[in-house]
């Protein structure tokens, strides 16, 4: 037991407990019910950096970006009522993508809870289905235990968001605190490890395979299992395909990389999974954007599904062998078995077949005369950073839409935690604040938000934050004046009838809105281009600029993300042109 003999305010106690958990940065927007917390934050400003977002959702996404880029828990703070409800999208996003964040909200005083007091909402009830866990603090004395439990829950097992709701009167009450209370989490046992017998069976199935594929997801990244995965795949020569959130868990430039699979994945990744006789599904949840028609997904192959969350096992796709385990532990143990009794797989024919698919069905695009294609802009940015040797210190965040899928396709990540995107929830507006969070964690890295005009506009106010906080985030804005992904579906399935997907004002020049003027009004350097001859030099100018920068690249709206497997269909229905 660690106690302090002097009474402290609940708000100071809360901040002290965060610091004891190793928190270095919080994204916090003040209001009536959280003012005491902010006063406490000012008193500990030397120990904890507080970044003021311009919208609570921006703060929540920034906490996610921080968490995804570091593997640590991201922290965001808001007031009660609308401040708290503005966190709901971030909480749902973090829940879907297994991102460890702790969201702290002020609440009206305990004596008026339930009376519809000013700025009161029952945020715990609202957030119940979209958080991993949630707390309404009942007593000031509970703050150290609640904070300790919240951080433990957020980052253990399958990571996720935890909400702490703190009434204002408890923030203002003085107590003599116990800083090291025992946790009280009956029934919560996140440390799950595969049995020796289960791992032995996996090895036997691998030995028998002629066409194995590793299907790796975000669980590999969150469990820090990327190095173990690389070792296992390379030692046995097994090809690796990843989910959107698994990007970076295996080197994208390695010969064995099939890159992303699913709706907008590579043709050869989808073909390989369809033809596989063994699918090693690690840290994945068989999301519908990956599987399409679930009954037809890897229909003829055996599936070994390993995941820390037992609720994901056999939920969407029955597995031949389903194992609840920490992914890193499982792969490390498999590597130990391979090293103890080395064996070689005869995969020459399998590699030859995959090479044929790679050659016949590569990712491709045709460069038009006088226009910049978004795919080309992304690839050019990647090639520039590769030439400079900067790829492994460049973090890329995205919004949601076509630009997101093109970034996933054309940017090859060789390390984990360099790719930040909203996957399961598909939250537009994620890119800029997530980049902001990553930049605060890694001030010496290059952080780029690859965004679309629709998504960027949703949290554009965070340009003010990156300016005032001196966060040199770069924005590669692919501006097609439309909600591009919805337009693509309109073109494919609705006879190109535009259902409110045009974002302009009817005039092509100048484009509307004027993002350059908007950025400059926030104190952020900006430039707009549409001539392909200006692309390379403008990208260099953006990267070399000492501060935040928005490069507004005008691109045609007629371009589609291909390949594409329509929702609910199979690899045999893939659209290539």
Protein backbone atom coordinates (compact mmCIF):
# COMPACT_ATOMS: atom_id res chain seq x y z
CA UNK A 1 0.00 0.00 0.00
CA UNK A 2 1.32 3.40 -1.00
CA UNK A 3 -0.38 6.32 0.72
CA UNK A 4 0.17 10.04 0.95
CA UNK A 5 -0.23 11.70 4.36
CA UNK A 6 -1.49 14.96 2.89
CA UNK A 7 -5.07 15.30 1.57
CA UNK A 8 -5.33 15.96 -2.16
CA UNK A 9 -8.16 17.01 -4.43
CA UNK A 10 -9.78 14.27 -6.48
CA UNK A 11 -8.82 16.06 -9.70
CA UNK A 12 -5.15 16.14 -8.68
CA UNK A 13 -5.39 12.52 -7.63
CA UNK A 14 -6.74 11.60 -11.06
CA UNK A 15 -3.88 13.36 -12.84
CA UNK A 16 -1.29 11.85 -10.49
CA UNK A 17 -2.67 8.37 -11.18
CA UNK A 18 -2.39 8.93 -14.93
CA UNK A 19 1.23 9.99 -14.55
CA UNK A 20 1.89 6.86 -12.47
CA UNK A 21 0.52 4.83 -15.39
CA UNK A 22 3.17 6.37 -17.64
CA UNK A 23 0.92 8.83 -19.47
CA UNK A 24 2.93 11.58 -21.14
CA UNK A 25 0.34 13.21 -23.42
CA UNK A 26 -3.40 13.77 -23.06
CA UNK A 27 -5.84 15.27 -25.55
CA UNK A 28 -8.30 17.26 -23.49
CA UNK A 29 -11.08 19.76 -24.18
CA UNK A 30 -12.43 21.57 -21.08
CA UNK A 31 -15.97 22.28 -19.96
CA UNK A 32 -17.97 22.89 -16.82
CA UNK A 33 -17.86 19.35 -15.44
CA UNK A 34 -14.17 18.81 -16.24
CA UNK A 35 -12.71 22.19 -15.25
CA UNK A 36 -11.16 20.87 -12.02
CA UNK A 37 -9.30 18.21 -14.02
CA UNK A 38 -7.91 20.90 -16.32
CA UNK A 39 -6.82 22.99 -13.35
CA UNK A 40 -4.99 19.92 -12.06
CA UNK A 41 -3.39 19.40 -15.46
CA UNK A 42 -1.98 22.94 -15.33
CA UNK A 43 -0.40 22.11 -11.99
CA UNK A 44 1.41 19.09 -13.48
CA UNK A 45 2.31 20.61 -16.84
CA UNK A 46 5.99 19.71 -16.41
CA UNK A 47 5.10 16.02 -16.09
CA UNK A 48 2.26 15.70 -18.56
CA UNK A 49 1.65 17.45 -21.88
CA UNK A 50 -1.91 18.54 -22.48
CA UNK A 51 -2.90 19.10 -26.10
CA UNK A 52 -6.08 21.07 -26.74
CA UNK A 53 -7.94 19.68 -29.77
CA UNK A 54 -10.56 21.89 -31.39
CA UNK A 55 -13.26 19.22 -31.18
CA UNK A 56 -13.65 16.34 -28.74
CA UNK A 57 -13.84 13.85 -31.61
CA UNK A 58 -10.50 15.18 -32.80
CA UNK A 59 -9.09 14.51 -29.35
CA UNK A 60 -10.46 10.97 -29.34
CA UNK A 61 -9.02 10.15 -32.76
CA UNK A 62 -5.72 11.73 -31.71
CA UNK A 63 -5.62 9.42 -28.69
CA UNK A 64 -6.19 6.51 -31.08
CA UNK A 65 -3.39 7.69 -33.35
CA UNK A 66 -1.07 8.00 -30.37
CA UNK A 67 -1.97 4.50 -29.19
CA UNK A 68 -1.63 2.89 -32.60
CA UNK A 69 1.74 4.54 -33.25
CA UNK A 70 3.23 3.64 -29.87
CA UNK A 71 1.45 0.57 -28.49
CA UNK A 72 0.73 2.58 -25.34
CA UNK A 73 -2.66 3.66 -24.03
CA UNK A 74 -3.95 6.89 -25.57
CA UNK A 75 -5.84 9.28 -23.27
CA UNK A 76 -8.54 11.82 -24.08
CA UNK A 77 -10.62 13.99 -21.75
CA UNK A 78 -13.92 15.81 -22.24
CA UNK A 79 -16.64 17.42 -20.21
CA UNK A 80 -20.11 16.02 -19.60
CA UNK A 81 -23.10 16.03 -21.94
CA UNK A 82 -22.17 16.98 -25.50
CA UNK A 83 -18.47 16.76 -24.72
CA UNK A 84 -18.89 13.17 -23.66
CA UNK A 85 -21.22 12.21 -26.51
CA UNK A 86 -18.70 13.62 -28.99
CA UNK A 87 -16.46 10.73 -27.92
CA UNK A 88 -18.91 8.04 -29.01
CA UNK A 89 -17.58 7.69 -32.57
CA UNK A 90 -14.02 7.43 -31.25
CA UNK A 91 -15.00 4.82 -28.67
CA UNK A 92 -16.84 2.75 -31.27
CA UNK A 93 -13.90 3.10 -33.64
CA UNK A 94 -11.41 1.99 -30.98
CA UNK A 95 -13.64 -0.94 -30.03
CA UNK A 96 -13.88 -2.16 -33.63
CA UNK A 97 -10.15 -1.79 -34.27
CA UNK A 98 -8.96 -3.01 -30.85
CA UNK A 99 -7.19 0.24 -29.97
CA UNK A 100 -6.26 0.86 -26.31
CA UNK A 101 -7.55 4.24 -25.18
CA UNK A 102 -8.86 5.59 -21.88
CA UNK A 103 -11.51 8.28 -22.29
CA UNK A 104 -12.16 10.37 -19.18
CA UNK A 105 -15.32 12.44 -18.95
CA UNK A 106 -16.49 14.91 -16.38
CA UNK A 107 -19.98 14.31 -15.03
CA UNK A 108 -22.49 16.49 -13.22
CA UNK A 109 -22.31 16.32 -9.40
CA UNK A 110 -23.57 13.08 -7.88
CA UNK A 111 -26.55 14.69 -6.15
CA UNK A 112 -28.07 15.82 -9.47
CA UNK A 113 -27.32 12.73 -11.57
CA UNK A 114 -30.60 11.56 -13.04
CA UNK A 115 -32.33 14.96 -12.81
CA UNK A 116 -31.56 16.07 -16.37
CA UNK A 117 -29.14 18.63 -14.99
CA UNK A 118 -27.40 21.03 -17.34
CA UNK A 119 -25.11 19.11 -19.70
CA UNK A 120 -25.98 15.75 -18.19
CA UNK A 121 -26.00 12.58 -20.26
CA UNK A 122 -25.76 8.99 -19.01
CA UNK A 123 -22.52 8.46 -20.93
CA UNK A 124 -21.77 5.13 -19.27
CA UNK A 125 -25.07 3.74 -20.54
CA UNK A 126 -24.59 5.30 -23.96
CA UNK A 127 -21.09 3.88 -24.27
CA UNK A 128 -21.79 0.46 -22.75
CA UNK A 129 -21.90 -1.47 -26.06
CA UNK A 130 -19.01 0.44 -27.65
CA UNK A 131 -16.41 0.16 -24.90
CA UNK A 132 -14.42 -2.75 -23.57
CA UNK A 133 -15.29 -1.55 -20.06
CA UNK A 134 -16.62 1.55 -18.34
CA UNK A 135 -16.65 3.13 -14.89
CA UNK A 136 -18.85 5.69 -13.16
CA UNK A 137 -16.71 6.74 -10.20
CA UNK A 138 -18.79 6.58 -7.00
CA UNK A 139 -16.28 7.83 -4.44
CA UNK A 140 -13.13 9.93 -4.67
CA UNK A 141 -11.30 7.12 -2.85
CA UNK A 142 -12.04 4.85 -5.85
CA UNK A 143 -10.08 6.97 -8.34
CA UNK A 144 -6.68 5.20 -7.95
CA UNK A 145 -8.23 1.74 -8.26
CA UNK A 146 -10.41 2.73 -11.21
CA UNK A 147 -7.51 4.32 -13.11
CA UNK A 148 -5.30 1.30 -12.45
CA UNK A 149 -8.00 -1.10 -13.63
CA UNK A 150 -8.89 1.03 -16.66
CA UNK A 151 -5.34 1.10 -18.01
CA UNK A 152 -4.87 -2.60 -17.35
CA UNK A 153 -8.09 -3.52 -19.13
CA UNK A 154 -7.42 -1.19 -22.07
CA UNK A 155 -4.06 -2.75 -22.94
CA UNK A 156 -4.36 -6.37 -21.82
CA UNK A 157 -5.89 -9.24 -23.76
CA UNK A 158 -7.64 -7.83 -26.79
CA UNK A 159 -6.99 -4.09 -26.45
CA UNK A 160 -9.88 -1.65 -26.47
CA UNK A 161 -11.40 1.57 -25.15
CA UNK A 162 -12.29 2.13 -21.50
CA UNK A 163 -14.45 5.00 -20.24
CA UNK A 164 -14.06 6.68 -16.83
CA UNK A 165 -16.89 9.06 -15.88
CA UNK A 166 -16.00 11.31 -12.90
CA UNK A 167 -18.66 13.49 -11.21
CA UNK A 168 -17.53 17.04 -10.55
CA UNK A 169 -18.06 16.96 -6.80
CA UNK A 170 -15.71 14.00 -6.50
CA UNK A 171 -13.07 15.95 -8.41
CA UNK A 172 -13.33 18.76 -5.85
CA UNK A 173 -13.29 16.57 -2.74
CA UNK A 174 -10.09 16.19 -0.69
CA UNK A 175 -8.95 12.82 0.61
CA UNK A 176 -5.80 11.11 1.81
CA UNK A 177 -5.23 8.73 -1.10
CA UNK A 178 -3.96 5.20 -1.42
CA UNK A 179 -1.96 5.29 -4.63
CA UNK A 180 -1.50 1.55 -4.99
CA UNK A 181 -4.80 -0.20 -4.32
CA UNK A 182 -5.47 -3.80 -5.26
CA UNK A 183 -7.41 -4.27 -8.47
CA UNK A 184 -10.82 -5.88 -8.20
CA UNK A 185 -11.56 -7.58 -11.51
CA UNK A 186 -13.17 -10.93 -10.74
CA UNK A 187 -13.57 -13.07 -13.84
CA UNK A 188 -11.23 -11.01 -16.00
CA UNK A 189 -8.34 -13.21 -17.10
CA UNK A 190 -6.83 -11.83 -20.30
CA UNK A 191 -3.64 -13.94 -20.29
CA UNK A 192 -4.50 -16.81 -22.61
CA UNK A 193 -1.88 -19.15 -24.04
CA UNK A 194 -2.23 -21.96 -26.52
CA UNK A 195 -1.60 -25.41 -25.12
CA UNK A 196 1.36 -27.51 -26.17
CA UNK A 197 -0.98 -30.03 -27.78
CA UNK A 198 -2.70 -27.31 -29.84
CA UNK A 199 0.62 -25.94 -31.10
CA UNK A 200 1.87 -29.41 -31.95
CA UNK A 201 -1.25 -29.93 -34.03
CA UNK A 202 -0.62 -26.65 -35.89
CA UNK A 203 2.88 -27.82 -36.79
CA UNK A 204 1.53 -31.13 -38.09
CA UNK A 205 -1.02 -29.32 -40.25
CA UNK A 206 1.70 -27.03 -41.62
CA UNK A 207 3.88 -30.03 -42.48
CA UNK A 208 1.06 -31.56 -44.52
CA UNK A 209 0.23 -28.36 -46.42
CA UNK A 210 1.03 -27.90 -50.11
CA UNK A 211 -0.56 -24.47 -50.54
CA UNK A 212 -0.39 -22.67 -47.17
CA UNK A 213 -1.13 -18.98 -46.66
CA UNK A 214 -0.79 -16.85 -43.54
CA UNK A 215 -3.70 -14.43 -43.14
CA UNK A 216 -2.48 -11.88 -40.56
CA UNK A 217 -4.46 -9.12 -38.91
CA UNK A 218 -4.25 -6.27 -36.44
CA UNK A 219 -3.81 -8.72 -33.58
CA UNK A 220 -0.28 -9.42 -34.83
CA UNK A 221 0.51 -5.71 -34.55
CA UNK A 222 -1.13 -5.13 -31.16
CA UNK A 223 0.61 -8.16 -29.62
CA UNK A 224 4.01 -7.07 -30.99
CA UNK A 225 4.26 -10.35 -32.88
CA UNK A 226 5.51 -8.94 -36.18
CA UNK A 227 9.11 -10.10 -35.75
CA UNK A 228 7.93 -13.58 -34.77
CA UNK A 229 5.61 -13.73 -37.78
CA UNK A 230 8.40 -12.67 -40.13
CA UNK A 231 10.69 -15.34 -38.73
CA UNK A 232 8.07 -18.09 -39.05
CA UNK A 233 6.97 -17.18 -42.59
CA UNK A 234 10.46 -16.77 -44.00
CA UNK A 235 11.88 -19.89 -42.39
CA UNK A 236 9.14 -22.02 -43.99
CA UNK A 237 8.54 -19.98 -47.15
CA UNK A 238 4.85 -19.41 -46.44
CA UNK A 239 3.22 -16.45 -48.28
CA UNK A 240 1.60 -13.78 -46.10
CA UNK A 241 -1.46 -11.66 -46.80
CA UNK A 242 -2.78 -9.08 -44.36
CA UNK A 243 -5.98 -7.34 -43.43
CA UNK A 244 -6.25 -3.56 -43.63
CA UNK A 245 -5.23 -3.31 -39.96
CA UNK A 246 -2.52 -5.93 -40.33
CA UNK A 247 -0.60 -3.88 -42.89
CA UNK A 248 3.02 -3.57 -41.76
CA UNK A 249 3.03 -6.71 -39.63
CA UNK A 250 4.99 -8.39 -42.45
CA UNK A 251 7.36 -6.47 -44.74
CA UNK A 252 5.41 -5.24 -47.76
CA UNK A 253 8.48 -5.37 -49.98
CA UNK A 254 9.35 -8.99 -49.15
CA UNK A 255 8.90 -11.62 -51.83
CA UNK A 256 6.49 -13.59 -49.62
CA UNK A 257 4.18 -10.61 -49.16
CA UNK A 258 0.88 -10.89 -51.02
CA UNK A 259 -0.19 -7.54 -49.57
CA UNK A 260 -3.78 -6.85 -48.53
CA UNK A 261 -6.64 -9.22 -49.34
CA UNK A 262 -10.38 -8.67 -49.46
CA UNK A 263 -12.66 -6.25 -51.25
CA UNK A 264 -9.87 -4.02 -52.54
CA UNK A 265 -6.97 -6.36 -51.94
CA UNK A 266 -4.66 -7.66 -54.61
CA UNK A 267 -6.02 -10.19 -57.07
CA UNK A 268 -3.18 -12.58 -56.30
CA UNK A 269 -3.82 -12.43 -52.53
CA UNK A 270 -7.48 -13.27 -53.06
CA UNK A 271 -6.64 -16.02 -55.53
CA UNK A 272 -4.08 -17.50 -53.14
CA UNK A 273 -6.49 -17.61 -50.21
CA UNK A 274 -9.18 -19.12 -52.43
CA UNK A 275 -6.79 -21.87 -53.56
CA UNK A 276 -5.07 -22.46 -50.19
CA UNK A 277 -5.25 -25.88 -48.58
CA UNK A 278 -4.23 -24.37 -45.21
CA UNK A 279 -5.07 -20.86 -43.99
CA UNK A 280 -3.24 -19.73 -40.85
CA UNK A 281 -5.58 -16.98 -39.64
CA UNK A 282 -3.76 -15.09 -36.92
CA UNK A 283 -5.15 -12.08 -35.06
CA UNK A 284 -8.07 -11.66 -37.45
CA UNK A 285 -11.84 -11.67 -37.18
CA UNK A 286 -12.96 -12.72 -40.68
CA UNK A 287 -14.45 -9.31 -41.38
CA UNK A 288 -17.01 -9.16 -44.20
CA UNK A 289 -14.77 -6.78 -46.21
CA UNK A 290 -12.18 -9.55 -46.24
CA UNK A 291 -14.34 -12.60 -46.77
CA UNK A 292 -17.16 -11.42 -49.04
CA UNK A 293 -19.59 -14.35 -49.17
CA UNK A 294 -18.46 -16.12 -46.04
CA UNK A 295 -19.47 -19.65 -47.11
CA UNK A 296 -17.24 -19.40 -50.17
CA UNK A 297 -14.22 -17.93 -48.41
CA UNK A 298 -11.33 -20.43 -48.39
CA UNK A 299 -13.97 -23.04 -49.04
CA UNK A 300 -11.57 -25.90 -49.80
CA UNK A 301 -8.86 -25.18 -47.24
CA UNK A 302 -8.37 -26.03 -43.60
CA UNK A 303 -8.39 -23.03 -41.30
CA UNK A 304 -6.32 -22.57 -38.14
CA UNK A 305 -7.68 -19.53 -36.30
CA UNK A 306 -5.65 -18.14 -33.39
CA UNK A 307 -6.94 -15.09 -31.53
CA UNK A 308 -6.82 -13.71 -27.99
CA UNK A 309 -10.58 -13.10 -28.01
CA UNK A 310 -12.55 -16.33 -27.69
CA UNK A 311 -15.71 -14.60 -28.96
CA UNK A 312 -14.10 -14.28 -32.40
CA UNK A 313 -13.38 -17.99 -32.72
CA UNK A 314 -15.94 -19.75 -34.93
CA UNK A 315 -18.07 -16.57 -34.90
CA UNK A 316 -18.06 -15.76 -38.60
CA UNK A 317 -16.13 -18.64 -40.14
CA UNK A 318 -15.83 -22.10 -38.56
CA UNK A 319 -12.22 -23.22 -38.16
CA UNK A 320 -10.72 -26.67 -38.36
CA UNK A 321 -8.63 -25.67 -35.34
CA UNK A 322 -9.62 -22.69 -33.19
CA UNK A 323 -7.16 -21.60 -30.50
CA UNK A 324 -7.54 -18.86 -27.92
CA UNK A 325 -4.11 -17.42 -27.33
CA UNK A 326 -1.92 -14.38 -27.33
CA UNK A 327 -0.60 -14.31 -30.89
CA UNK A 328 2.98 -13.50 -29.98
CA UNK A 329 3.15 -16.39 -27.53
CA UNK A 330 1.69 -18.79 -30.08
CA UNK A 331 4.04 -17.79 -32.93
CA UNK A 332 7.07 -17.74 -30.64
CA UNK A 333 6.24 -21.29 -29.54
CA UNK A 334 5.74 -22.39 -33.14
CA UNK A 335 9.15 -20.93 -34.02
CA UNK A 336 10.69 -22.83 -31.11
CA UNK A 337 9.25 -26.07 -32.49
CA UNK A 338 10.51 -25.34 -36.00
CA UNK A 339 14.01 -24.62 -34.65
CA UNK A 340 14.03 -27.74 -32.46
CA UNK A 341 13.01 -30.05 -35.31
CA UNK A 342 13.64 -28.24 -38.61
CA UNK A 343 11.65 -29.27 -41.64
CA UNK A 344 11.29 -27.99 -45.19
CA UNK A 345 8.06 -27.51 -47.08
CA UNK A 346 7.87 -28.36 -50.77
CA UNK A 347 6.29 -25.13 -51.98
CA UNK A 348 8.00 -24.57 -55.32
CA UNK A 349 4.83 -25.25 -57.33
CA UNK A 350 2.82 -23.01 -54.99
CA UNK A 351 5.29 -20.13 -55.34
CA UNK A 352 5.32 -20.62 -59.11
CA UNK A 353 1.53 -20.37 -59.24
CA UNK A 354 1.51 -17.24 -57.12
CA UNK A 355 4.21 -15.71 -59.31
CA UNK A 356 2.02 -16.30 -62.35
CA UNK A 357 -0.88 -14.51 -60.65
CA UNK A 358 1.40 -11.64 -59.64
CA UNK A 359 2.61 -11.26 -63.20
CA UNK A 360 -0.80 -11.51 -64.85
CA UNK A 361 -2.80 -9.54 -62.24
CA UNK A 362 -0.65 -6.75 -60.76
CA UNK A 363 -1.97 -3.56 -59.25
CA UNK A 364 -2.02 -1.08 -62.11
CA UNK A 365 -3.34 2.22 -63.39
CA UNK A 366 -3.10 4.15 -66.66
CA UNK A 367 -1.71 7.67 -66.47
CA UNK A 368 -3.90 10.11 -68.40
CA UNK A 369 -2.54 13.13 -70.21
CA UNK A 370 -2.49 16.30 -68.12
CA UNK A 371 -4.03 14.93 -64.90
CA UNK A 372 -2.70 13.63 -61.58
CA UNK A 373 -4.11 10.27 -60.56
CA UNK A 374 -4.42 9.70 -56.80
CA UNK A 375 -2.72 6.30 -57.07
CA UNK A 376 0.22 7.91 -58.81
CA UNK A 377 0.50 10.69 -56.23
CA UNK A 378 0.64 8.12 -53.40
CA UNK A 379 3.16 5.93 -55.18
CA UNK A 380 5.30 8.96 -56.04
CA UNK A 381 5.29 10.00 -52.38
CA UNK A 382 6.34 6.49 -51.34
CA UNK A 383 9.12 6.35 -53.92
CA UNK A 384 10.43 9.76 -52.86
CA UNK A 385 10.70 8.68 -49.22
CA UNK A 386 12.23 5.35 -50.22
CA UNK A 387 14.91 7.12 -52.24
CA UNK A 388 15.68 9.24 -49.20
CA UNK A 389 15.81 6.23 -46.87
CA UNK A 390 12.95 7.66 -44.82
CA UNK A 391 10.28 4.96 -45.18
CA UNK A 392 10.81 3.27 -41.84
CA UNK A 393 10.53 6.55 -39.99
CA UNK A 394 7.42 7.73 -41.79
CA UNK A 395 3.98 7.27 -40.23
CA UNK A 396 0.96 7.37 -42.55
CA UNK A 397 -2.56 8.09 -41.35
CA UNK A 398 -5.60 8.21 -43.61
CA UNK A 399 -9.17 9.28 -43.67
CA UNK A 400 -11.77 6.87 -45.03
CA UNK A 401 -12.64 6.40 -48.68
CA UNK A 402 -10.91 5.78 -51.98
CA UNK A 403 -7.69 7.47 -50.89
CA UNK A 404 -7.53 5.05 -47.94
CA UNK A 405 -7.70 2.00 -50.18
CA UNK A 406 -5.17 3.41 -52.66
CA UNK A 407 -2.80 4.13 -49.78
CA UNK A 408 -3.22 0.55 -48.57
CA UNK A 409 -2.50 -0.73 -52.07
CA UNK A 410 0.41 1.43 -53.20
CA UNK A 411 2.32 2.22 -49.99
CA UNK A 412 4.50 -0.72 -48.96
CA UNK A 413 5.07 -0.80 -45.20
CA UNK A 414 7.97 -2.85 -43.90
CA UNK A 415 7.41 -2.20 -40.19
CA UNK A 416 4.36 -2.19 -37.90
CA UNK A 417 2.83 0.89 -36.26
CA UNK A 418 3.51 3.11 -39.25
CA UNK A 419 -0.01 2.72 -40.68
CA UNK A 420 -2.99 4.33 -38.95
CA UNK A 421 -6.47 4.01 -40.40
CA UNK A 422 -10.06 3.47 -39.35
CA UNK A 423 -11.00 -0.03 -40.45
CA UNK A 424 -14.00 -1.66 -38.80
CA UNK A 425 -16.05 1.49 -38.27
CA UNK A 426 -14.74 3.34 -41.33
CA UNK A 427 -14.81 6.75 -39.63
CA UNK A 428 -14.35 9.69 -41.97
CA UNK A 429 -12.41 12.48 -40.31
CA UNK A 430 -9.95 10.06 -38.69
CA UNK A 431 -6.83 10.95 -40.66
CA UNK A 432 -5.77 14.43 -39.51
CA UNK A 433 -6.32 13.98 -35.76
CA UNK A 434 -4.77 10.48 -35.82
CA UNK A 435 -1.71 11.97 -37.52
CA UNK A 436 -1.70 14.68 -34.87
CA UNK A 437 -1.63 12.04 -32.14
CA UNK A 438 1.16 10.10 -33.83
CA UNK A 439 3.24 13.24 -34.33
CA UNK A 440 2.93 14.14 -30.64
CA UNK A 441 4.29 10.69 -29.80
CA UNK A 442 7.05 10.78 -32.42
CA UNK A 443 8.22 14.38 -32.91
CA UNK A 444 11.24 13.26 -34.95
CA UNK A 445 9.29 11.14 -37.44
CA UNK A 446 7.66 12.22 -40.67
CA UNK A 447 3.88 11.96 -40.23
CA UNK A 448 1.66 12.19 -43.29
CA UNK A 449 -2.12 12.29 -43.45
CA UNK A 450 -3.20 10.94 -46.82
CA UNK A 451 -6.74 12.25 -47.05
CA UNK A 452 -9.68 12.96 -49.30
CA UNK A 453 -11.52 16.26 -49.40
CA UNK A 454 -14.70 14.83 -47.87
CA UNK A 455 -12.94 13.11 -45.00
CA UNK A 456 -10.47 15.93 -44.39
CA UNK A 457 -13.25 18.51 -44.07
CA UNK A 458 -14.84 16.59 -41.19
CA UNK A 459 -12.04 17.43 -38.74
CA UNK A 460 -10.25 20.24 -40.54
CA UNK A 461 -10.39 22.32 -37.37
CA UNK A 462 -7.47 20.29 -36.05
CA UNK A 463 -5.21 22.32 -38.33
CA UNK A 464 -5.42 24.87 -35.54
CA UNK A 465 -4.10 22.29 -33.10
CA UNK A 466 -1.15 21.19 -35.21
CA UNK A 467 -0.25 24.86 -35.75
CA UNK A 468 -0.44 25.95 -32.12
CA UNK A 469 1.21 22.76 -30.82
CA UNK A 470 4.01 22.91 -33.42
CA UNK A 471 3.20 19.49 -34.84
CA UNK A 472 4.67 19.33 -38.38
CA UNK A 473 2.02 17.02 -39.84
CA UNK A 474 1.99 16.84 -43.63
CA UNK A 475 -1.35 16.44 -45.44
CA UNK A 476 -1.43 14.90 -48.91
CA UNK A 477 -4.95 15.95 -49.84
CA UNK A 478 -6.35 14.09 -52.85
CA UNK A 479 -9.17 16.40 -53.82
CA UNK A 480 -11.70 15.09 -56.36
CA UNK A 481 -14.57 17.35 -55.23
CA UNK A 482 -16.69 14.26 -54.54
CA UNK A 483 -17.36 11.55 -51.99
CA UNK A 484 -15.27 9.27 -54.15
CA UNK A 485 -16.04 5.83 -52.76
CA UNK A 486 -19.78 6.47 -52.81
CA UNK A 487 -19.44 7.82 -56.36
CA UNK A 488 -17.68 4.60 -57.32
CA UNK A 489 -20.60 2.56 -56.02
CA UNK A 490 -23.02 4.88 -57.80
CA UNK A 491 -21.15 4.26 -61.03
CA UNK A 492 -21.05 0.50 -60.55
CA UNK A 493 -24.46 -0.21 -59.08
CA UNK A 494 -26.72 2.86 -59.49
CA UNK A 495 -26.22 3.82 -63.15
CA UNK A 496 -24.06 6.80 -62.10
CA UNK A 497 -27.01 8.59 -60.56
CA UNK A 498 -25.50 11.11 -58.14
CA UNK A 499 -27.16 10.89 -54.74
CA UNK A 500 -25.67 13.99 -53.09
CA UNK A 501 -22.03 13.01 -53.53
CA UNK A 502 -20.76 16.19 -55.19
CA UNK A 503 -18.97 18.47 -52.73
CA UNK A 504 -18.25 21.46 -54.98
CA UNK A 505 -20.27 24.54 -55.81
CA UNK A 506 -20.64 24.02 -59.55
CA UNK A 507 -17.46 25.82 -60.57
CA UNK A 508 -14.39 23.82 -61.46
CA UNK A 509 -11.95 26.71 -61.03
CA UNK A 510 -11.22 27.63 -58.38
CA UNK A 511 -12.26 24.41 -56.61
CA UNK A 512 -14.62 24.71 -53.68
CA UNK A 513 -13.86 24.97 -50.84
CA UNK A 514 -10.52 26.71 -51.12
CA UNK A 515 -8.42 24.46 -48.90
CA UNK A 516 -5.31 26.59 -49.42
CA UNK A 517 -6.98 29.66 -47.96
CA UNK A 518 -8.49 27.58 -45.17
CA UNK A 519 -5.12 26.09 -44.24
CA UNK A 520 -3.41 29.46 -44.37
CA UNK A 521 -6.10 30.94 -42.13
CA UNK A 522 -5.04 28.37 -39.53
CA UNK A 523 -1.39 29.36 -39.96
CA UNK A 524 -0.54 26.23 -41.97
CA UNK A 525 1.52 26.42 -45.16
CA UNK A 526 -0.40 25.20 -48.21
CA UNK A 527 -0.30 24.83 -51.97
CA UNK A 528 -2.64 23.55 -54.68
CA UNK A 529 -1.58 21.69 -57.84
CA UNK A 530 -3.28 19.93 -60.75
CA UNK A 531 -0.51 19.63 -63.35
CA UNK A 532 1.39 16.31 -63.12
CA UNK A 533 4.61 18.15 -63.96
CA UNK A 534 4.36 19.89 -60.57
CA UNK A 535 3.81 16.73 -58.51
CA UNK A 536 7.35 15.61 -57.64
CA UNK A 537 8.69 19.05 -56.76
CA UNK A 538 5.61 19.84 -54.69
CA UNK A 539 5.93 16.61 -52.72
CA UNK A 540 9.56 17.46 -52.01
CA UNK A 541 8.58 20.96 -50.95
CA UNK A 542 5.99 19.58 -48.52
CA UNK A 543 8.34 17.03 -46.95
CA UNK A 544 11.20 19.52 -46.64
CA UNK A 545 9.05 22.27 -45.13
CA UNK A 546 9.81 22.87 -41.45
CA UNK A 547 6.26 22.75 -40.14
CA UNK A 548 2.76 21.54 -41.00
CA UNK A 549 1.81 21.60 -44.66
CA UNK A 550 -1.30 20.89 -46.73
CA UNK A 551 -0.70 19.92 -50.36
CA UNK A 552 -4.04 20.12 -52.16
CA UNK A 553 -3.77 17.83 -55.21
CA UNK A 554 -6.64 18.12 -57.66
CA UNK A 555 -7.48 14.67 -59.07
CA UNK A 556 -10.26 13.36 -61.37
CA UNK A 557 -13.36 11.96 -59.69
CA UNK A 558 -13.92 9.30 -62.38
CA UNK A 559 -11.17 7.04 -61.05
CA UNK A 560 -12.19 3.79 -59.32
CA UNK A 561 -10.38 1.69 -56.71
CA UNK A 562 -9.64 -1.63 -58.40
CA UNK A 563 -9.66 -4.54 -58.03
CA UNK A 564 -13.01 -4.76 -56.26
CA UNK A 565 -15.00 -7.69 -54.96
CA UNK A 566 -18.58 -6.43 -54.56
CA UNK A 567 -20.03 -6.74 -51.07
CA UNK A 568 -21.26 -10.23 -50.27
CA UNK A 569 -19.77 -11.76 -53.40
CA UNK A 570 -16.80 -14.02 -54.06
CA UNK A 571 -13.37 -13.92 -55.62
CA UNK A 572 -14.96 -15.21 -58.82
CA UNK A 573 -16.93 -11.95 -59.03
CA UNK A 574 -13.86 -9.72 -58.78
CA UNK A 575 -13.97 -6.53 -60.86
CA UNK A 576 -10.65 -5.70 -62.49
CA UNK A 577 -11.49 -2.93 -64.94
